[in-house]
Amino acid sequence: MTEQTPEPTLSSDPTEVRRQKLALLREQVGDVYPAHFHRTITNAELAAKYEGLELDTESGDIVTVAGRVYSSRNSGMFIDLHDASGKIQIFSHKDTTPEEARALLPMIDLGDIIGVTGMVRRTKRGELTINAHEITMLTKTLLPMPEKYHGLADIELRYRKRHLDILTNEDSKLRFRQRSQIVSGIRRFMENDGFMEVETPMLHSVYGGATAEPFKTHHNTLKLDMYLRIAPELFLKRTLVSGLTDKVFEVNRNFRNEGVSTRHNPEFTMMECYWAYADYEDIMDLVERLFAELAVKIHGTTEFMFGDKEISFKGPFKRVPMPDAVKEVTGIDFLAMKTDEEARTAAKAAGFAVEKDWTWGECLAFIFEEKVEGTLIQPSHVTHFPKDISPFAKEVPGEPRLVERFETYCNAWEIGNAFSELNDPEEQRKRMVEQLEQAHARGEKEKQLDEEFLDAIDQGMPPAGGLGIGVDRLIMLLTNAPSIRDIILFPARRARAD
């Protein structure tokens, strides 16, 4: 009996080698992709269970593990086997491993998925190890693994072949686990706060709830053009009207047929909620509690690093009205102006290129975006938005040009948007008609008035605070991801060039 079965003569092409080995395995062992294999313990469970096992000691326990081969040394005598929970070392030697099992070793390549049954021991060097008694091929891979230590160097390839990125990049694997924790953490927080989660349609016959270009499709049976959801707002508000619950939310996928950037993906995740008998200040408190809880969940503290900046999600956040923020940075006092013309003149005098038909509020919002957004590094609530750009929010008492709306900013990004929701049906119709006329004037002829929503509001919606949070950007912050494509498992990409 020899210690190692000699390897067969194979092609020099790595992919062809794997196919040749697959053919040999089919001849030798039959089914190389078996449907049934019973694993008795994960690698993490094994590490925890035998944490106290002494050096150079056998446990006496037989276990069965399974996972992917990440490294192989000494012709397969030592194999590092990884499952989703961690790594275990496999040891195959003539003194412990039957020849039938060792005969499989030359057929095993990096990336193959195998099952191993054997005795648990700890080596003299402290490595928790399984002395293999049986080895089962569970999945023969036909493509080589990327280089172990550097993973995928091509960033675009990382996004296109995310499975390889995660297989070879521990940072990517951690980010997507943290994403799952954050999304589930949002749901648990909202439920614990008394909110009920519902599901609203993703296909809309009339698109609305936000200003964005929709994706269009067609329903063959109904013979109806439809749009992928750009926001769930109008359906969630109808839920409030129904009396089903006073606190409703949805973690939802939205689709906007617009630009792609490090902070924008056409398909994205939002958490949107509506809280009856609350206002935008109640929502500010909710945002601060939610953000703090998520930071602690991921980092153990409300402080964490994003790039070279330390961010603190410890409340209360800074709160500043938009006109005050603009005045502080630029010196322009919009509240002192009475007309649209005054606002345009002041903006032009300060060097801003504004359109000839812009309103007072549009000038204010534009200068805020140009000069103030970039200064908002720590989480801040910017309040008192112009009514011109906020058709679904209630007016600020005593200042009809402004509404009870806030956006939450961090790292100069907008993370959340909230209102004291408009529930006056006549005022709601007036503003939606105005918004529709503006859209038609811009050439958006397909946009329609959502009469079903307006009919529901006529039935009576209670006063409420509403909120939308960009979940992807929040995850970027909490996981220190420089691009939205780093935290979306399969981001939108251009078609691959042949």
Protein backbone atom coordinates (compact mmCIF):
# COMPACT_ATOMS: atom_id res chain seq x y z
CA MET A 1 0.00 0.00 0.00
CA THR A 2 1.39 3.42 -0.94
CA GLU A 3 0.77 6.62 0.99
CA GLN A 4 -0.52 8.56 -2.03
CA THR A 5 -2.24 7.38 -5.18
CA PRO A 6 -0.36 8.78 -8.21
CA GLU A 7 -2.19 11.48 -10.15
CA PRO A 8 -3.42 10.62 -13.64
CA THR A 9 -1.89 12.32 -16.70
CA LEU A 10 -4.15 15.22 -17.64
CA SER A 11 -4.35 18.21 -19.97
CA SER A 12 -2.43 21.43 -19.24
CA ASP A 13 -5.58 23.58 -19.62
CA PRO A 14 -7.04 24.18 -16.11
CA THR A 15 -10.68 24.00 -17.19
CA GLU A 16 -10.10 20.95 -19.35
CA VAL A 17 -8.25 19.28 -16.46
CA ARG A 18 -11.34 19.67 -14.30
CA ARG A 19 -13.58 18.21 -16.99
CA GLN A 20 -11.23 15.24 -17.37
CA LYS A 21 -11.25 14.69 -13.63
CA LEU A 22 -15.04 14.89 -13.65
CA ALA A 23 -15.16 12.14 -16.29
CA LEU A 24 -12.79 9.97 -14.25
CA LEU A 25 -14.83 10.55 -11.10
CA ARG A 26 -18.03 9.55 -12.87
CA GLU A 27 -16.31 6.27 -13.81
CA GLN A 28 -14.83 5.66 -10.36
CA VAL A 29 -17.51 6.85 -7.91
CA GLY A 30 -20.61 7.34 -10.01
CA ASP A 31 -22.69 10.33 -8.86
CA VAL A 32 -20.42 13.37 -8.44
CA TYR A 33 -23.35 15.65 -7.55
CA PRO A 34 -25.29 13.54 -5.01
CA ALA A 35 -28.69 14.76 -3.84
CA HIS A 36 -28.31 13.49 -0.27
CA PHE A 37 -25.54 14.15 2.23
CA HIS A 38 -26.04 14.62 5.95
CA ARG A 39 -23.74 17.12 7.68
CA THR A 40 -23.78 16.75 11.46
CA ILE A 41 -22.07 20.01 12.45
CA THR A 42 -20.96 23.34 10.96
CA ASN A 43 -17.38 24.54 11.23
CA ALA A 44 -18.34 27.31 13.65
CA GLU A 45 -20.30 24.88 15.85
CA LEU A 46 -17.33 22.51 15.80
CA ALA A 47 -14.91 25.28 16.83
CA ALA A 48 -17.17 26.29 19.72
CA LYS A 49 -17.81 22.73 20.90
CA TYR A 50 -14.12 21.76 20.95
CA GLU A 51 -12.67 25.09 22.04
CA GLY A 52 -11.21 23.46 25.17
CA LEU A 53 -9.67 20.44 23.43
CA GLU A 54 -6.01 20.24 24.46
CA LEU A 55 -3.00 20.21 22.14
CA ASP A 56 -2.14 16.91 20.44
CA THR A 57 -5.35 15.33 21.68
CA GLU A 58 -8.11 13.34 19.98
CA SER A 59 -11.68 13.98 21.08
CA GLY A 60 -12.94 10.50 20.37
CA ASP A 61 -15.91 12.04 18.52
CA ILE A 62 -16.77 11.31 14.89
CA VAL A 63 -18.33 14.20 12.97
CA THR A 64 -19.37 14.92 9.39
CA VAL A 65 -18.62 18.31 7.86
CA ALA A 66 -19.03 19.75 4.37
CA GLY A 67 -17.75 22.79 2.53
CA ARG A 68 -15.56 24.20 -0.24
CA VAL A 69 -11.85 23.45 -0.59
CA TYR A 70 -9.89 26.70 -0.26
CA SER A 71 -6.37 25.30 -0.01
CA SER A 72 -4.60 21.96 -0.38
CA ARG A 73 -1.08 21.11 0.78
CA ASN A 74 1.19 18.08 0.52
CA SER A 75 -0.81 16.50 -2.33
CA GLY A 76 -4.07 16.87 -0.41
CA MET A 77 -2.82 15.59 2.95
CA PHE A 78 -3.88 18.94 4.45
CA ILE A 79 -7.03 20.65 3.18
CA ASP A 80 -8.64 23.87 4.43
CA LEU A 81 -12.39 23.32 4.14
CA HIS A 82 -14.65 26.38 4.39
CA ASP A 83 -18.40 26.51 4.95
CA ALA A 84 -20.48 29.65 5.43
CA SER A 85 -19.53 29.74 9.13
CA GLY A 86 -15.77 29.33 8.97
CA LYS A 87 -12.82 27.00 8.31
CA ILE A 88 -11.71 23.55 9.46
CA GLN A 89 -8.53 21.64 8.59
CA ILE A 90 -8.85 18.17 7.08
CA PHE A 91 -5.99 15.68 7.53
CA SER A 92 -5.69 12.61 5.28
CA HIS A 93 -2.89 10.14 6.01
CA LYS A 94 -2.36 6.41 5.50
CA ASP A 95 -2.41 5.88 9.27
CA THR A 96 -5.90 7.37 9.66
CA THR A 97 -7.52 7.52 6.23
CA PRO A 98 -8.49 4.43 4.19
CA GLU A 99 -6.90 4.07 0.75
CA GLU A 100 -10.32 4.38 -0.93
CA ALA A 101 -10.74 7.88 0.52
CA ARG A 102 -7.14 8.90 -0.24
CA ALA A 103 -7.59 7.78 -3.84
CA LEU A 104 -10.02 10.69 -4.22
CA LEU A 105 -7.44 13.32 -3.26
CA PRO A 106 -5.80 13.73 -6.71
CA MET A 107 -9.26 14.38 -8.13
CA ILE A 108 -9.95 17.28 -5.74
CA ASP A 109 -9.30 20.84 -6.96
CA LEU A 110 -9.54 24.17 -5.20
CA GLY A 111 -13.19 25.22 -5.17
CA ASP A 112 -14.60 21.70 -5.09
CA ILE A 113 -17.28 21.02 -2.49
CA ILE A 114 -16.67 17.86 -0.47
CA GLY A 115 -18.02 16.12 2.60
CA VAL A 116 -15.72 14.62 5.23
CA THR A 117 -16.40 12.23 8.09
CA GLY A 118 -13.71 11.72 10.71
CA MET A 119 -12.26 12.10 14.19
CA VAL A 120 -11.90 15.56 15.76
CA ARG A 121 -8.47 16.36 17.18
CA ARG A 122 -6.22 19.30 17.94
CA THR A 123 -2.72 19.26 16.49
CA LYS A 124 0.50 19.99 18.35
CA ARG A 125 0.39 23.46 16.78
CA GLY A 126 -3.14 24.10 18.08
CA GLU A 127 -5.05 23.62 14.79
CA LEU A 128 -8.47 22.06 15.19
CA THR A 129 -8.47 19.23 12.66
CA ILE A 130 -10.51 16.30 11.40
CA ASN A 131 -8.70 13.06 10.67
CA ALA A 132 -10.56 11.97 7.54
CA HIS A 133 -12.15 8.51 7.53
CA GLU A 134 -14.44 9.13 4.55
CA ILE A 135 -14.34 11.74 1.78
CA THR A 136 -17.32 12.35 -0.52
CA MET A 137 -17.29 14.50 -3.65
CA LEU A 138 -20.43 16.67 -3.46
CA THR A 139 -19.80 19.16 -6.28
CA LYS A 140 -17.00 19.07 -8.83
CA THR A 141 -16.32 22.62 -10.02
CA LEU A 142 -15.45 23.21 -13.66
CA LEU A 143 -13.87 26.67 -13.30
CA PRO A 144 -10.71 27.60 -11.33
CA MET A 145 -11.01 29.75 -8.22
CA PRO A 146 -9.58 33.31 -8.30
CA GLU A 147 -6.21 33.74 -6.66
CA LYS A 148 -6.72 33.23 -2.94
CA TYR A 149 -4.98 36.19 -1.37
CA HIS A 150 -5.99 39.01 -3.73
CA GLY A 151 -9.38 37.87 -4.98
CA LEU A 152 -10.81 39.70 -7.98
CA ALA A 153 -8.66 42.71 -8.84
CA ASP A 154 -11.04 43.93 -11.56
CA ILE A 155 -13.74 45.99 -9.80
CA GLU A 156 -16.27 45.55 -12.60
CA LEU A 157 -15.70 41.80 -12.52
CA ARG A 158 -16.40 41.83 -8.78
CA TYR A 159 -19.86 43.26 -9.43
CA ARG A 160 -20.55 41.06 -12.47
CA LYS A 161 -19.39 37.86 -10.75
CA ARG A 162 -20.43 38.62 -7.19
CA HIS A 163 -20.31 34.94 -6.25
CA LEU A 164 -16.55 34.95 -6.86
CA ASP A 165 -16.12 38.27 -5.05
CA ILE A 166 -17.74 36.85 -1.92
CA LEU A 167 -15.88 33.53 -2.24
CA THR A 168 -12.53 35.33 -2.18
CA ASN A 169 -13.16 38.58 -0.29
CA GLU A 170 -13.93 38.47 3.42
CA ASP A 171 -14.80 42.19 3.45
CA SER A 172 -17.53 41.62 0.85
CA LYS A 173 -18.84 38.60 2.73
CA LEU A 174 -18.99 40.64 5.96
CA ARG A 175 -20.76 43.57 4.26
CA PHE A 176 -23.58 41.41 2.93
CA ARG A 177 -24.03 39.72 6.28
CA GLN A 178 -24.21 43.17 7.87
CA ARG A 179 -26.71 44.25 5.22
CA SER A 180 -28.95 41.37 6.26
CA GLN A 181 -28.57 42.40 9.92
CA ILE A 182 -29.45 46.02 9.13
CA VAL A 183 -32.56 45.21 7.10
CA SER A 184 -33.81 42.74 9.71
CA GLY A 185 -32.90 45.28 12.41
CA ILE A 186 -35.08 47.92 10.72
CA ARG A 187 -38.01 45.50 10.67
CA ARG A 188 -37.58 44.51 14.32
CA PHE A 189 -37.28 48.15 15.40
CA MET A 190 -40.43 49.17 13.55
CA GLU A 191 -42.42 46.21 14.82
CA ASN A 192 -41.25 46.81 18.39
CA ASP A 193 -42.35 50.43 17.99
CA GLY A 194 -45.87 49.28 17.14
CA PHE A 195 -45.72 49.52 13.34
CA MET A 196 -47.40 46.92 11.15
CA GLU A 197 -45.66 45.82 7.96
CA VAL A 198 -47.76 45.50 4.80
CA GLU A 199 -47.03 44.75 1.17
CA THR A 200 -48.17 47.14 -1.55
CA PRO A 201 -48.16 46.62 -5.33
CA MET A 202 -44.98 46.88 -7.35
CA LEU A 203 -46.93 47.24 -10.60
CA HIS A 204 -48.85 50.54 -10.82
CA SER A 205 -51.31 51.63 -13.49
CA VAL A 206 -50.65 55.26 -12.42
CA TYR A 207 -47.20 56.06 -11.08
CA GLY A 208 -46.73 58.57 -8.28
CA GLY A 209 -45.61 59.23 -4.74
CA ALA A 210 -42.35 60.76 -5.95
CA THR A 211 -40.96 62.70 -8.90
CA ALA A 212 -38.97 60.27 -11.01
CA GLU A 213 -38.89 58.62 -14.42
CA PRO A 214 -40.55 55.19 -14.20
CA PHE A 215 -39.81 51.86 -15.84
CA LYS A 216 -42.68 50.90 -18.12
CA THR A 217 -44.09 47.44 -18.83
CA HIS A 218 -47.30 45.94 -20.23
CA HIS A 219 -49.86 43.59 -18.71
CA ASN A 220 -50.94 41.26 -21.52
CA THR A 221 -54.13 39.93 -19.91
CA LEU A 222 -55.43 43.30 -18.76
CA LYS A 223 -54.14 44.94 -21.97
CA LEU A 224 -52.79 47.71 -19.78
CA ASP A 225 -49.53 49.67 -19.72
CA MET A 226 -48.12 49.60 -16.20
CA TYR A 227 -45.17 51.06 -14.32
CA LEU A 228 -42.76 49.61 -11.81
CA ARG A 229 -43.19 51.30 -8.45
CA ILE A 230 -41.22 54.50 -7.88
CA ALA A 231 -42.59 54.81 -4.31
CA PRO A 232 -45.22 53.04 -2.15
CA GLU A 233 -46.49 56.29 -0.60
CA LEU A 234 -49.97 56.53 -2.08
CA PHE A 235 -50.87 52.93 -1.23
CA LEU A 236 -49.51 53.18 2.31
CA LYS A 237 -51.59 56.31 2.90
CA ARG A 238 -54.68 54.44 1.69
CA THR A 239 -53.85 51.85 4.34
CA LEU A 240 -54.06 54.62 6.97
CA VAL A 241 -57.44 55.64 5.57
CA SER A 242 -58.66 52.04 5.93
CA GLY A 243 -58.12 52.01 9.69
CA LEU A 244 -56.23 48.72 9.48
CA THR A 245 -53.50 50.22 11.65
CA ASP A 246 -52.37 53.63 12.91
CA LYS A 247 -48.70 52.81 12.27
CA VAL A 248 -47.82 51.21 8.95
CA PHE A 249 -44.51 50.51 7.20
CA GLU A 250 -43.01 48.64 4.28
CA VAL A 251 -39.46 47.65 3.42
CA ASN A 252 -39.80 47.87 -0.33
CA ARG A 253 -38.03 47.72 -3.65
CA ASN A 254 -38.43 50.81 -5.83
CA PHE A 255 -37.44 51.39 -9.45
CA ARG A 256 -36.44 54.70 -11.00
CA ASN A 257 -35.34 54.86 -14.61
CA GLU A 258 -32.64 57.43 -13.99
CA GLY A 259 -28.90 57.75 -13.47
CA VAL A 260 -26.41 55.26 -12.06
CA SER A 261 -23.66 56.51 -9.75
CA THR A 262 -21.82 55.60 -6.56
CA ARG A 263 -25.01 56.58 -4.68
CA HIS A 264 -27.73 55.66 -7.19
CA ASN A 265 -28.98 52.34 -8.52
CA PRO A 266 -32.16 52.11 -10.63
CA GLU A 267 -33.46 49.36 -8.32
CA PHE A 268 -33.12 50.25 -4.66
CA THR A 269 -34.47 49.53 -1.19
CA MET A 270 -36.47 51.95 0.96
CA MET A 271 -38.23 51.79 4.27
CA GLU A 272 -41.35 53.93 4.17
CA CYS A 273 -43.72 54.43 7.09
CA TYR A 274 -46.76 56.48 8.14
CA TRP A 275 -47.77 57.20 11.71
CA ALA A 276 -51.28 58.49 12.41
CA TYR A 277 -51.66 61.32 14.94
CA ALA A 278 -47.93 62.09 14.76
CA ASP A 279 -46.03 64.89 13.01
CA TYR A 280 -42.60 65.42 11.48
CA GLU A 281 -40.99 66.12 14.86
CA ASP A 282 -42.17 62.73 16.14
CA ILE A 283 -40.61 61.23 13.01
CA MET A 284 -37.30 63.00 13.73
CA ASP A 285 -37.19 61.29 17.11
CA LEU A 286 -37.98 57.94 15.49
CA VAL A 287 -35.14 58.35 12.97
CA GLU A 288 -32.65 59.13 15.71
CA ARG A 289 -33.69 56.11 17.77
CA LEU A 290 -33.58 53.83 14.73
CA PHE A 291 -30.16 55.01 13.53
CA ALA A 292 -28.66 54.68 17.01
CA GLU A 293 -30.01 51.15 17.43
CA LEU A 294 -28.66 50.04 14.06
CA ALA A 295 -25.20 51.48 14.77
CA VAL A 296 -25.04 49.64 18.07
CA LYS A 297 -26.23 46.44 16.37
CA ILE A 298 -23.40 46.58 13.81
CA HIS A 299 -20.60 48.31 15.73
CA GLY A 300 -21.51 47.92 19.39
CA THR A 301 -21.57 51.73 19.73
CA THR A 302 -23.20 54.77 18.13
CA GLU A 303 -19.78 55.93 16.86
CA PHE A 304 -18.15 54.41 13.77
CA MET A 305 -15.74 55.26 10.96
CA PHE A 306 -16.69 56.05 7.39
CA GLY A 307 -13.48 56.47 5.42
CA ASP A 308 -11.37 58.84 7.50
CA LYS A 309 -14.36 60.43 9.25
CA GLU A 310 -15.84 59.40 12.60
CA ILE A 311 -19.63 59.48 12.42
CA SER A 312 -21.83 59.60 15.52
CA PHE A 313 -25.41 58.34 15.43
CA LYS A 314 -25.94 59.39 19.02
CA GLY A 315 -28.99 61.64 19.24
CA PRO A 316 -30.19 64.29 19.23
CA PHE A 317 -29.07 65.22 15.72
CA LYS A 318 -28.55 68.82 14.63
CA ARG A 319 -31.82 70.42 13.43
CA VAL A 320 -31.73 73.46 11.15
CA PRO A 321 -34.36 75.12 8.89
CA MET A 322 -33.30 75.25 5.24
CA PRO A 323 -33.48 79.08 4.96
CA ASP A 324 -31.29 79.42 8.07
CA ALA A 325 -28.76 76.88 6.72
CA VAL A 326 -28.51 78.77 3.43
CA LYS A 327 -28.14 82.13 5.18
CA GLU A 328 -25.42 80.74 7.46
CA VAL A 329 -23.33 79.45 4.54
CA THR A 330 -24.01 82.08 1.84
CA GLY A 331 -25.36 85.12 3.66
CA ILE A 332 -28.50 85.15 1.47
CA ASP A 333 -31.64 85.73 3.56
CA PHE A 334 -34.49 84.16 1.63
CA LEU A 335 -37.04 84.82 4.36
CA ALA A 336 -36.52 88.57 3.83
CA MET A 337 -37.57 88.26 0.16
CA LYS A 338 -41.22 88.65 -0.87
CA THR A 339 -41.27 87.64 -4.54
CA ASP A 340 -39.87 85.06 -6.93
CA GLU A 341 -38.11 87.83 -8.84
CA GLU A 342 -36.28 88.99 -5.70
CA ALA A 343 -35.09 85.41 -5.10
CA ARG A 344 -33.83 85.01 -8.67
CA THR A 345 -32.08 88.39 -8.58
CA ALA A 346 -30.35 87.62 -5.27
CA ALA A 347 -29.27 84.19 -6.50
CA LYS A 348 -27.81 85.62 -9.72
CA ALA A 349 -26.04 88.37 -7.80
CA ALA A 350 -24.37 85.69 -5.70
CA GLY A 351 -23.16 83.91 -8.82
CA PHE A 352 -25.76 81.14 -9.12
CA ALA A 353 -27.15 80.20 -12.54
CA VAL A 354 -30.91 79.97 -11.99
CA GLU A 355 -33.63 79.57 -14.60
CA LYS A 356 -35.80 82.56 -15.52
CA ASP A 357 -39.03 80.90 -14.37
CA TRP A 358 -37.78 79.49 -11.06
CA THR A 359 -39.83 80.24 -7.97
CA TRP A 360 -38.62 81.53 -4.62
CA GLY A 361 -38.61 77.98 -3.25
CA GLU A 362 -36.79 76.49 -6.23
CA CYS A 363 -34.02 79.09 -5.88
CA LEU A 364 -33.72 78.34 -2.16
CA ALA A 365 -33.56 74.57 -2.71
CA PHE A 366 -31.01 74.90 -5.53
CA ILE A 367 -28.60 77.02 -3.47
CA PHE A 368 -29.01 74.65 -0.54
CA GLU A 369 -28.02 71.70 -2.75
CA GLU A 370 -25.09 73.59 -4.23
CA LYS A 371 -23.62 75.11 -1.08
CA VAL A 372 -24.99 73.48 2.07
CA GLU A 373 -25.42 69.74 1.42
CA GLY A 374 -21.68 69.18 1.18
CA THR A 375 -21.12 70.61 4.67
CA LEU A 376 -23.48 68.19 6.43
CA ILE A 377 -21.09 65.45 7.55
CA GLN A 378 -22.56 64.53 10.93
CA PRO A 379 -26.23 63.44 10.88
CA SER A 380 -28.47 66.49 10.62
CA HIS A 381 -32.17 67.14 10.07
CA VAL A 382 -32.74 69.97 7.59
CA THR A 383 -36.29 71.26 8.19
CA HIS A 384 -38.75 73.79 6.70
CA PHE A 385 -38.55 73.01 2.99
CA PRO A 386 -40.19 75.25 0.37
CA LYS A 387 -43.79 74.30 -0.43
CA ASP A 388 -42.94 74.69 -4.14
CA ILE A 389 -41.03 71.39 -4.06
CA SER A 390 -43.05 69.59 -1.36
CA PRO A 391 -46.59 68.93 -2.60
CA PHE A 392 -47.53 66.41 0.12
CA ALA A 393 -46.50 68.30 3.29
CA LYS A 394 -48.40 70.65 5.61
CA GLU A 395 -47.53 74.32 5.78
CA VAL A 396 -45.45 75.73 8.63
CA PRO A 397 -47.81 77.81 10.81
CA GLY A 398 -47.27 81.50 10.04
CA GLU A 399 -45.03 80.85 7.00
CA PRO A 400 -47.10 79.51 4.06
CA ARG A 401 -44.08 79.34 1.75
CA LEU A 402 -42.55 76.60 3.91
CA VAL A 403 -43.77 73.16 4.93
CA GLU A 404 -43.23 70.78 7.83
CA ARG A 405 -40.73 68.59 6.03
CA PHE A 406 -37.24 67.45 6.90
CA GLU A 407 -34.49 65.51 5.21
CA THR A 408 -31.82 63.72 7.19
CA TYR A 409 -28.28 64.17 5.88
CA CYS A 410 -25.04 62.41 6.78
CA ASN A 411 -21.69 62.42 4.98
CA ALA A 412 -23.31 65.05 2.69
CA TRP A 413 -25.87 62.44 1.56
CA GLU A 414 -29.62 62.54 1.91
CA ILE A 415 -30.61 59.43 3.91
CA GLY A 416 -34.23 60.15 4.82
CA ASN A 417 -37.17 62.35 3.82
CA ALA A 418 -40.20 63.04 6.03
CA PHE A 419 -43.33 65.19 6.23
CA SER A 420 -46.19 66.19 8.41
CA GLU A 421 -48.45 64.68 5.78
CA LEU A 422 -51.04 66.74 3.95
CA ASN A 423 -54.52 65.30 4.60
CA ASP A 424 -56.77 68.17 3.45
CA PRO A 425 -58.42 66.53 0.39
CA GLU A 426 -59.11 69.79 -1.45
CA GLU A 427 -55.60 71.13 -0.91
CA GLN A 428 -54.18 67.72 -1.85
CA ARG A 429 -56.06 67.70 -5.16
CA LYS A 430 -55.01 71.29 -5.89
CA ARG A 431 -51.34 70.53 -5.36
CA MET A 432 -51.42 67.27 -7.34
CA VAL A 433 -53.13 69.03 -10.26
CA GLU A 434 -50.44 71.73 -10.18
CA GLN A 435 -47.73 69.08 -10.10
CA LEU A 436 -49.36 67.27 -13.04
CA GLU A 437 -49.54 70.47 -15.09
CA GLN A 438 -45.86 71.11 -14.44
CA ALA A 439 -45.01 67.55 -15.52
CA HIS A 440 -47.01 67.92 -18.73
CA ALA A 441 -45.27 71.21 -19.41
CA ARG A 442 -41.95 69.38 -19.14
CA GLY A 443 -43.15 66.88 -21.76
CA GLU A 444 -44.10 64.08 -19.33
CA LYS A 445 -47.38 63.36 -21.11
CA GLU A 446 -47.88 59.89 -19.63
CA LYS A 447 -48.16 61.19 -16.07
CA GLN A 448 -51.76 61.05 -14.79
CA LEU A 449 -53.75 62.13 -11.78
CA ASP A 450 -54.24 59.27 -9.33
CA GLU A 451 -57.99 59.55 -8.85
CA GLU A 452 -58.17 56.37 -6.75
CA PHE A 453 -55.78 57.89 -4.23
CA LEU A 454 -57.67 61.18 -4.18
CA ASP A 455 -60.93 59.28 -3.69
CA ALA A 456 -59.37 57.55 -0.66
CA ILE A 457 -58.23 60.89 0.79
CA ASP A 458 -61.78 62.22 0.33
CA GLN A 459 -62.80 59.40 2.69
CA GLY A 460 -60.60 60.99 5.35
CA MET A 461 -56.97 60.29 6.29
CA PRO A 462 -55.94 61.08 9.87
CA PRO A 463 -53.15 63.58 10.44
CA ALA A 464 -49.88 61.70 10.20
CA GLY A 465 -46.13 61.86 9.98
CA GLY A 466 -44.54 60.04 7.06
CA LEU A 467 -40.97 58.92 6.40
CA GLY A 468 -38.89 57.34 3.65
CA ILE A 469 -35.36 56.09 4.38
CA GLY A 470 -32.87 55.15 1.67
CA VAL A 471 -31.82 51.81 3.09
CA ASP A 472 -28.94 51.31 0.66
CA ARG A 473 -27.26 54.61 1.57
CA LEU A 474 -27.76 53.89 5.27
CA ILE A 475 -26.07 50.50 4.78
CA MET A 476 -23.21 52.20 2.91
CA LEU A 477 -22.60 54.41 5.93
CA LEU A 478 -22.82 51.64 8.49
CA THR A 479 -20.54 49.28 6.53
CA ASN A 480 -18.00 51.86 5.31
CA ALA A 481 -18.80 51.17 1.64
CA PRO A 482 -17.67 53.86 -0.84
CA SER A 483 -20.10 52.77 -3.59
CA ILE A 484 -23.73 51.63 -3.56
CA ARG A 485 -22.64 48.74 -5.77
CA ASP A 486 -20.57 47.41 -2.87
CA ILE A 487 -23.69 46.76 -0.80
CA ILE A 488 -26.16 45.64 -3.48
CA LEU A 489 -25.64 41.94 -4.05
CA PHE A 490 -26.26 42.10 -7.80
CA PRO A 491 -26.17 45.77 -8.92
CA ALA A 492 -27.32 47.05 -12.31
CA ARG A 493 -24.56 46.90 -14.90
CA ARG A 494 -24.06 47.62 -18.56
CA ALA A 495 -24.35 44.67 -20.93
CA ARG A 496 -21.11 42.74 -21.23
CA ALA A 497 -19.17 43.52 -24.39
CA ASP A 498 -18.38 40.45 -26.53
